[in-house]
Protein backbone atom coordinates (compact mmCIF):
# COMPACT_ATOMS: atom_id res chain seq x y z
CA UNK A 1 0.00 0.00 0.00
CA UNK A 2 1.10 3.52 -0.75
CA UNK A 3 1.70 6.08 1.98
CA UNK A 4 0.11 9.50 1.48
CA UNK A 5 1.38 12.73 3.03
CA UNK A 6 -0.89 15.66 3.70
CA UNK A 7 -1.18 18.73 5.87
CA UNK A 8 -3.25 18.13 8.99
CA UNK A 9 -6.66 19.80 9.27
CA UNK A 10 -8.65 20.65 12.39
CA UNK A 11 -10.61 17.41 12.05
CA UNK A 12 -7.31 15.48 12.23
CA UNK A 13 -6.57 16.65 15.78
CA UNK A 14 -7.58 13.31 17.40
CA UNK A 15 -5.18 11.37 15.13
CA UNK A 16 -2.47 13.99 15.60
CA UNK A 17 -2.90 13.88 19.37
CA UNK A 18 -2.79 10.07 19.42
CA UNK A 19 0.46 10.03 17.43
CA UNK A 20 2.10 12.71 19.59
CA UNK A 21 0.96 10.89 22.74
CA UNK A 22 2.63 7.72 21.42
CA UNK A 23 5.79 9.71 20.69
CA UNK A 24 5.85 10.82 24.33
CA UNK A 25 5.46 7.19 25.44
CA UNK A 26 8.25 6.13 23.06
CA UNK A 27 10.56 8.83 24.49
CA UNK A 28 9.52 8.41 28.11
CA UNK A 29 8.24 12.00 28.20
CA UNK A 30 5.41 13.37 30.30
CA UNK A 31 2.71 14.28 27.76
CA UNK A 32 0.83 17.46 28.69
CA UNK A 33 -0.78 18.69 25.44
CA UNK A 34 -4.42 17.79 24.99
CA UNK A 35 -6.58 17.81 21.85
CA UNK A 36 -7.98 21.23 22.71
CA UNK A 37 -4.42 22.62 23.04
CA UNK A 38 -3.53 21.34 19.57
CA UNK A 39 -6.78 22.64 18.09
CA UNK A 40 -6.33 26.11 19.62
CA UNK A 41 -2.62 26.46 18.80
CA UNK A 42 -2.53 24.90 15.37
CA UNK A 43 -5.84 25.58 13.71
CA UNK A 44 -6.99 29.04 14.77
CA UNK A 45 -6.63 32.35 12.93
CA UNK A 46 -2.87 32.58 13.59
CA UNK A 47 -1.54 28.99 13.81
CA UNK A 48 1.57 28.44 15.93
CA UNK A 49 2.44 25.21 14.09
CA UNK A 50 1.77 23.10 11.05
CA UNK A 51 1.60 19.33 10.92
CA UNK A 52 2.01 16.65 8.28
CA UNK A 53 0.30 13.29 8.52
CA UNK A 54 1.58 10.15 6.82
CA UNK A 55 -1.33 7.82 6.16
CA UNK A 56 -1.56 4.22 5.05
CA UNK A 57 -4.64 2.60 3.53
CA UNK A 58 -7.59 3.84 1.52
CA UNK A 59 -8.59 7.46 2.31
CA UNK A 60 -11.88 6.41 3.89
CA UNK A 61 -10.07 4.05 6.28
CA UNK A 62 -6.58 5.58 6.42
CA UNK A 63 -4.37 4.89 9.42
CA UNK A 64 -1.87 7.50 10.63
CA UNK A 65 1.61 5.95 10.57
CA UNK A 66 3.70 9.11 10.88
CA UNK A 67 3.46 12.72 12.02
CA UNK A 68 5.63 15.80 11.96
CA UNK A 69 4.82 19.00 13.85
CA UNK A 70 6.73 22.12 12.80
CA UNK A 71 6.86 25.92 12.98
CA UNK A 72 8.72 28.76 11.24
CA UNK A 73 11.94 30.32 12.51
CA UNK A 74 14.04 33.17 11.18
CA UNK A 75 17.81 33.46 11.40
CA UNK A 76 19.56 36.79 10.99
CA UNK A 77 22.84 34.87 10.78
CA UNK A 78 21.55 32.94 7.76
CA UNK A 79 19.44 35.84 6.47
CA UNK A 80 16.61 33.42 5.85
CA UNK A 81 13.53 31.75 7.16
CA UNK A 82 13.75 28.15 8.24
CA UNK A 83 11.57 25.52 9.81
CA UNK A 84 11.85 23.99 13.28
CA UNK A 85 10.62 20.41 13.61
CA UNK A 86 9.32 20.04 17.16
CA UNK A 87 8.06 16.46 16.81
CA UNK A 88 8.67 13.61 14.40
CA UNK A 89 6.96 10.26 15.00
CA UNK A 90 6.90 7.10 12.92
CA UNK A 91 4.84 4.06 13.95
CA UNK A 92 7.08 1.26 15.22
CA UNK A 93 6.06 -1.15 12.44
CA UNK A 94 6.96 1.46 9.79
CA UNK A 95 10.47 2.28 11.00
CA UNK A 96 13.37 1.47 8.70
CA UNK A 97 11.36 2.33 5.57
CA UNK A 98 12.57 5.94 5.16
CA UNK A 99 9.23 7.29 6.37
CA UNK A 100 10.91 9.75 8.75
CA UNK A 101 13.06 11.06 5.92
CA UNK A 102 10.01 11.40 3.67
CA UNK A 103 8.10 13.24 6.42
CA UNK A 104 10.96 15.73 6.79
CA UNK A 105 10.94 16.20 3.02
CA UNK A 106 7.21 16.93 3.13
CA UNK A 107 7.80 19.47 5.92
CA UNK A 108 10.44 21.21 3.80
CA UNK A 109 8.08 21.40 0.83
CA UNK A 110 5.38 23.06 2.95
CA UNK A 111 7.91 25.35 4.67
CA UNK A 112 9.39 26.46 1.36
CA UNK A 113 5.91 27.28 0.03
CA UNK A 114 4.77 29.11 3.20
CA UNK A 115 7.94 30.84 4.41
CA UNK A 116 10.58 30.28 1.70
CA UNK A 117 12.46 28.20 4.27
CA UNK A 118 16.09 27.49 3.45
CA UNK A 119 17.08 25.40 6.46
CA UNK A 120 15.63 22.90 8.91
CA UNK A 121 16.47 22.61 12.59
CA UNK A 122 15.44 20.29 15.40
CA UNK A 123 16.59 18.98 18.75
CA UNK A 124 17.68 15.42 19.51
CA UNK A 125 17.56 13.96 22.99
CA UNK A 126 21.01 13.08 24.29
CA UNK A 127 19.77 9.66 25.34
CA UNK A 128 18.49 8.85 21.81
CA UNK A 129 21.57 7.62 19.91
CA UNK A 130 19.42 5.93 17.24
CA UNK A 131 17.65 9.21 16.50
CA UNK A 132 20.96 11.05 16.37
CA UNK A 133 22.38 8.52 13.89
CA UNK A 134 19.22 8.87 11.76
CA UNK A 135 19.59 12.66 11.57
CA UNK A 136 23.34 12.48 10.96
CA UNK A 137 22.75 10.08 8.03
CA UNK A 138 20.49 12.77 6.53
CA UNK A 139 23.25 15.38 6.85
CA UNK A 140 22.26 17.15 10.07
CA UNK A 141 25.16 18.44 12.15
CA UNK A 142 25.19 19.59 15.78
CA UNK A 143 24.95 23.35 16.30
CA UNK A 144 28.32 24.60 17.48
CA UNK A 145 28.74 27.05 20.36
CA UNK A 146 25.02 27.01 21.18
CA UNK A 147 23.05 25.88 24.18
CA UNK A 148 19.28 25.71 24.03
CA UNK A 149 17.82 27.81 26.81
CA UNK A 150 14.19 27.79 27.89
CA UNK A 151 12.22 30.18 30.06
CA UNK A 152 9.30 28.22 31.48
CA UNK A 153 5.79 29.56 32.14
CA UNK A 154 6.50 30.98 35.62
CA UNK A 155 9.60 32.75 34.33
CA UNK A 156 7.61 34.21 31.43
CA UNK A 157 4.99 35.53 33.84
CA UNK A 158 7.72 37.14 35.96
CA UNK A 159 9.34 38.67 32.89
CA UNK A 160 5.98 40.19 31.93
CA UNK A 161 5.81 41.67 35.45
CA UNK A 162 2.97 39.41 36.61
CA UNK A 163 2.87 38.17 40.16
């Protein structure tokens, strides 16, 4: 059977949520996002992310076997827009068939159309050597002289001057 790739729509939120929940299980992460969070953030008037679904089977009975969730970034160093892949999930039975690579290619196509993206970035967990090898085989290289820094919700509230 052929795998189809398409941009997720609001009605795909349950399938998107199920795939991202499974990704959290696979990684041993605590999964916080709920369907309503995905619907609000990704499918409102100013979406914070896009998503690609990889589906197997006839359209009326398609099964989601891969997902990528992504958002735009801009780099003044590169002088260009890019795309940040926040999540990439491939169903266990589909791994080893280049589905992850094809999902990233689909993300790049969408990102080039929407934002004229010229680069792709993502994070890899330090305790995921298989994922790191996968990305390195595709040509990804570690960012040099950079440390990802995050200001969590309480810190954001404090920065805004909220108590």
